[in-house]
């Protein structure tokens, strides 16, 4: 498991005074654990996740939207055009090139 620091920011990027040091397997799991431990704040929030390393310090690994600002449609594609209908088994004869006289 890796060490992550989760900072809460508002929608403009201004940091709040709330941060959490969390041990987790991935950055998204760290955000899920931080949401439980940090107090609920009014307005839109962004969670900035930093990975903590011994020698290199910390590094930003992700920004995650809070509950308030997401409309739930990110990543949803519009439906594609329907496929053409399969050919039918209806058979018809071609008209002759020269009509009989």
C-alpha atoms as a PDB file:
ATOM      1  CA  UNK A   1       0.000   0.000   0.000  1.00  0.00           C
ATOM      2  CA  UNK A   2       1.145   3.515  -0.736  1.00  0.00           C
ATOM      3  CA  UNK A   3       0.896   6.727   1.287  1.00  0.00           C
ATOM      4  CA  UNK A   4      -1.366   9.470  -0.053  1.00  0.00           C
ATOM      5  CA  UNK A   5      -2.146  12.998   1.088  1.00  0.00           C
ATOM      6  CA  UNK A   6      -5.669  14.140   0.189  1.00  0.00           C
ATOM      7  CA  UNK A   7      -6.317  17.897   0.154  1.00  0.00           C
ATOM      8  CA  UNK A   8      -9.760  19.455  -0.225  1.00  0.00           C
ATOM      9  CA  UNK A   9     -10.046  22.386  -2.634  1.00  0.00           C
ATOM     10  CA  UNK A  10     -13.039  24.407  -3.747  1.00  0.00           C
ATOM     11  CA  UNK A  11     -14.021  24.642  -7.417  1.00  0.00           C
ATOM     12  CA  UNK A  12     -11.643  27.610  -7.972  1.00  0.00           C
ATOM     13  CA  UNK A  13      -8.634  25.683  -6.642  1.00  0.00           C
ATOM     14  CA  UNK A  14      -8.356  27.480  -3.295  1.00  0.00           C
ATOM     15  CA  UNK A  15      -7.195  25.002  -0.669  1.00  0.00           C
ATOM     16  CA  UNK A  16      -9.223  24.452   2.435  1.00  0.00           C
ATOM     17  CA  UNK A  17      -7.598  23.637   5.765  1.00  0.00           C
ATOM     18  CA  UNK A  18      -8.623  19.994   5.561  1.00  0.00           C
ATOM     19  CA  UNK A  19      -6.156  17.296   4.606  1.00  0.00           C
ATOM     20  CA  UNK A  20      -5.791  13.617   5.354  1.00  0.00           C
ATOM     21  CA  UNK A  21      -2.810  11.254   5.321  1.00  0.00           C
ATOM     22  CA  UNK A  22      -4.093   7.871   4.138  1.00  0.00           C
ATOM     23  CA  UNK A  23      -2.608   4.464   3.346  1.00  0.00           C
ATOM     24  CA  UNK A  24      -4.417   3.015   0.309  1.00  0.00           C
ATOM     25  CA  UNK A  25      -3.895   0.781  -2.721  1.00  0.00           C
ATOM     26  CA  UNK A  26      -4.819   3.447  -5.298  1.00  0.00           C
ATOM     27  CA  UNK A  27      -5.528   7.192  -5.459  1.00  0.00           C
ATOM     28  CA  UNK A  28      -9.263   6.616  -5.991  1.00  0.00           C
ATOM     29  CA  UNK A  29      -9.416   4.431  -2.891  1.00  0.00           C
ATOM     30  CA  UNK A  30      -7.633   7.179  -0.943  1.00  0.00           C
ATOM     31  CA  UNK A  31     -10.327   9.669  -2.004  1.00  0.00           C
ATOM     32  CA  UNK A  32     -13.076   7.262  -0.948  1.00  0.00           C
ATOM     33  CA  UNK A  33     -11.478   6.820   2.467  1.00  0.00           C
ATOM     34  CA  UNK A  34     -10.894  10.578   2.828  1.00  0.00           C
ATOM     35  CA  UNK A  35     -14.542  11.387   2.097  1.00  0.00           C
ATOM     36  CA  UNK A  36     -15.505   9.344   5.144  1.00  0.00           C
ATOM     37  CA  UNK A  37     -13.031  11.047   7.459  1.00  0.00           C
ATOM     38  CA  UNK A  38     -13.202  14.682   6.277  1.00  0.00           C
ATOM     39  CA  UNK A  39     -16.181  16.866   7.211  1.00  0.00           C
ATOM     40  CA  UNK A  40     -18.783  17.737   4.572  1.00  0.00           C
ATOM     41  CA  UNK A  41     -18.237  21.207   3.171  1.00  0.00           C
ATOM     42  CA  UNK A  42     -20.830  23.356   1.384  1.00  0.00           C
ATOM     43  CA  UNK A  43     -20.369  23.979  -2.336  1.00  0.00           C
ATOM     44  CA  UNK A  44     -18.390  22.168  -4.979  1.00  0.00           C
ATOM     45  CA  UNK A  45     -15.222  20.431  -3.902  1.00  0.00           C
ATOM     46  CA  UNK A  46     -12.211  18.951  -5.613  1.00  0.00           C
ATOM     47  CA  UNK A  47      -9.969  16.374  -3.964  1.00  0.00           C
ATOM     48  CA  UNK A  48      -6.272  16.738  -4.849  1.00  0.00           C
ATOM     49  CA  UNK A  49      -4.365  13.502  -4.221  1.00  0.00           C
ATOM     50  CA  UNK A  50      -0.609  13.567  -3.690  1.00  0.00           C
ATOM     51  CA  UNK A  51       1.567  10.473  -3.433  1.00  0.00           C
ATOM     52  CA  UNK A  52       4.078  10.670  -0.640  1.00  0.00           C
ATOM     53  CA  UNK A  53       7.567   9.250  -1.238  1.00  0.00           C
ATOM     54  CA  UNK A  54      10.515   9.082   1.096  1.00  0.00           C
ATOM     55  CA  UNK A  55      13.239  10.413  -1.172  1.00  0.00           C
ATOM     56  CA  UNK A  56      11.395  12.447  -3.767  1.00  0.00           C
ATOM     57  CA  UNK A  57       8.825  14.166  -1.590  1.00  0.00           C
ATOM     58  CA  UNK A  58       5.236  14.272  -2.829  1.00  0.00           C
ATOM     59  CA  UNK A  59       3.778  14.297  -6.319  1.00  0.00           C
ATOM     60  CA  UNK A  60       0.270  15.138  -7.589  1.00  0.00           C
ATOM     61  CA  UNK A  61      -1.354  11.965  -8.920  1.00  0.00           C
ATOM     62  CA  UNK A  62      -4.960  13.043  -9.449  1.00  0.00           C
ATOM     63  CA  UNK A  63      -7.812  15.499  -9.054  1.00  0.00           C
ATOM     64  CA  UNK A  64     -11.210  14.054  -8.245  1.00  0.00           C
ATOM     65  CA  UNK A  65     -14.525  15.964  -8.300  1.00  0.00           C
ATOM     66  CA  UNK A  66     -16.640  16.125  -5.171  1.00  0.00           C
ATOM     67  CA  UNK A  67     -20.265  15.137  -4.845  1.00  0.00           C
ATOM     68  CA  UNK A  68     -21.782  18.546  -5.607  1.00  0.00           C
ATOM     69  CA  UNK A  69     -20.536  19.476  -9.070  1.00  0.00           C
ATOM     70  CA  UNK A  70     -20.833  16.312 -11.127  1.00  0.00           C
ATOM     71  CA  UNK A  71     -23.962  15.879 -13.221  1.00  0.00           C
ATOM     72  CA  UNK A  72     -23.232  12.187 -13.777  1.00  0.00           C
ATOM     73  CA  UNK A  73     -22.890  12.421 -17.555  1.00  0.00           C
ATOM     74  CA  UNK A  74     -19.132  12.487 -17.905  1.00  0.00           C
ATOM     75  CA  UNK A  75     -17.976   9.644 -20.089  1.00  0.00           C
ATOM     76  CA  UNK A  76     -21.458   8.851 -21.430  1.00  0.00           C
ATOM     77  CA  UNK A  77     -21.515   8.636 -25.183  1.00  0.00           C
ATOM     78  CA  UNK A  78     -24.460   9.397 -27.392  1.00  0.00           C
ATOM     79  CA  UNK A  79     -26.097   6.353 -28.929  1.00  0.00           C
ATOM     80  CA  UNK A  80     -24.843   5.307 -32.319  1.00  0.00           C
ATOM     81  CA  UNK A  81     -26.955   5.132 -35.419  1.00  0.00           C
ATOM     82  CA  UNK A  82     -28.899   1.896 -35.699  1.00  0.00           C
ATOM     83  CA  UNK A  83     -27.410  -0.795 -37.857  1.00  0.00           C
ATOM     84  CA  UNK A  84     -28.913  -1.315 -41.302  1.00  0.00           C
ATOM     85  CA  UNK A  85     -31.545  -3.991 -41.578  1.00  0.00           C
ATOM     86  CA  UNK A  86     -30.277  -7.366 -42.701  1.00  0.00           C
ATOM     87  CA  UNK A  87     -30.992  -8.324 -46.289  1.00  0.00           C
ATOM     88  CA  UNK A  88     -34.249 -10.166 -46.828  1.00  0.00           C
ATOM     89  CA  UNK A  89     -34.628 -13.529 -48.497  1.00  0.00           C
ATOM     90  CA  UNK A  90     -37.107 -12.161 -51.018  1.00  0.00           C
ATOM     91  CA  UNK A  91     -36.110 -13.145 -54.563  1.00  0.00           C
ATOM     92  CA  UNK A  92     -37.321 -11.489 -57.753  1.00  0.00           C
ATOM     93  CA  UNK A  93     -36.417 -11.996 -61.380  1.00  0.00           C
ATOM     94  CA  UNK A  94     -34.758  -9.233 -63.387  1.00  0.00           C
ATOM     95  CA  UNK A  95     -36.686  -7.733 -66.273  1.00  0.00           C
ATOM     96  CA  UNK A  96     -35.461  -8.791 -69.703  1.00  0.00           C
ATOM     97  CA  UNK A  97     -33.223  -6.348 -71.516  1.00  0.00           C
ATOM     98  CA  UNK A  98     -35.313  -6.483 -74.746  1.00  0.00           C
ATOM     99  CA  UNK A  99     -39.034  -6.919 -74.508  1.00  0.00           C
ATOM    100  CA  UNK A 100     -40.520  -9.631 -76.671  1.00  0.00           C
ATOM    101  CA  UNK A 101     -42.354  -8.461 -79.752  1.00  0.00           C
END
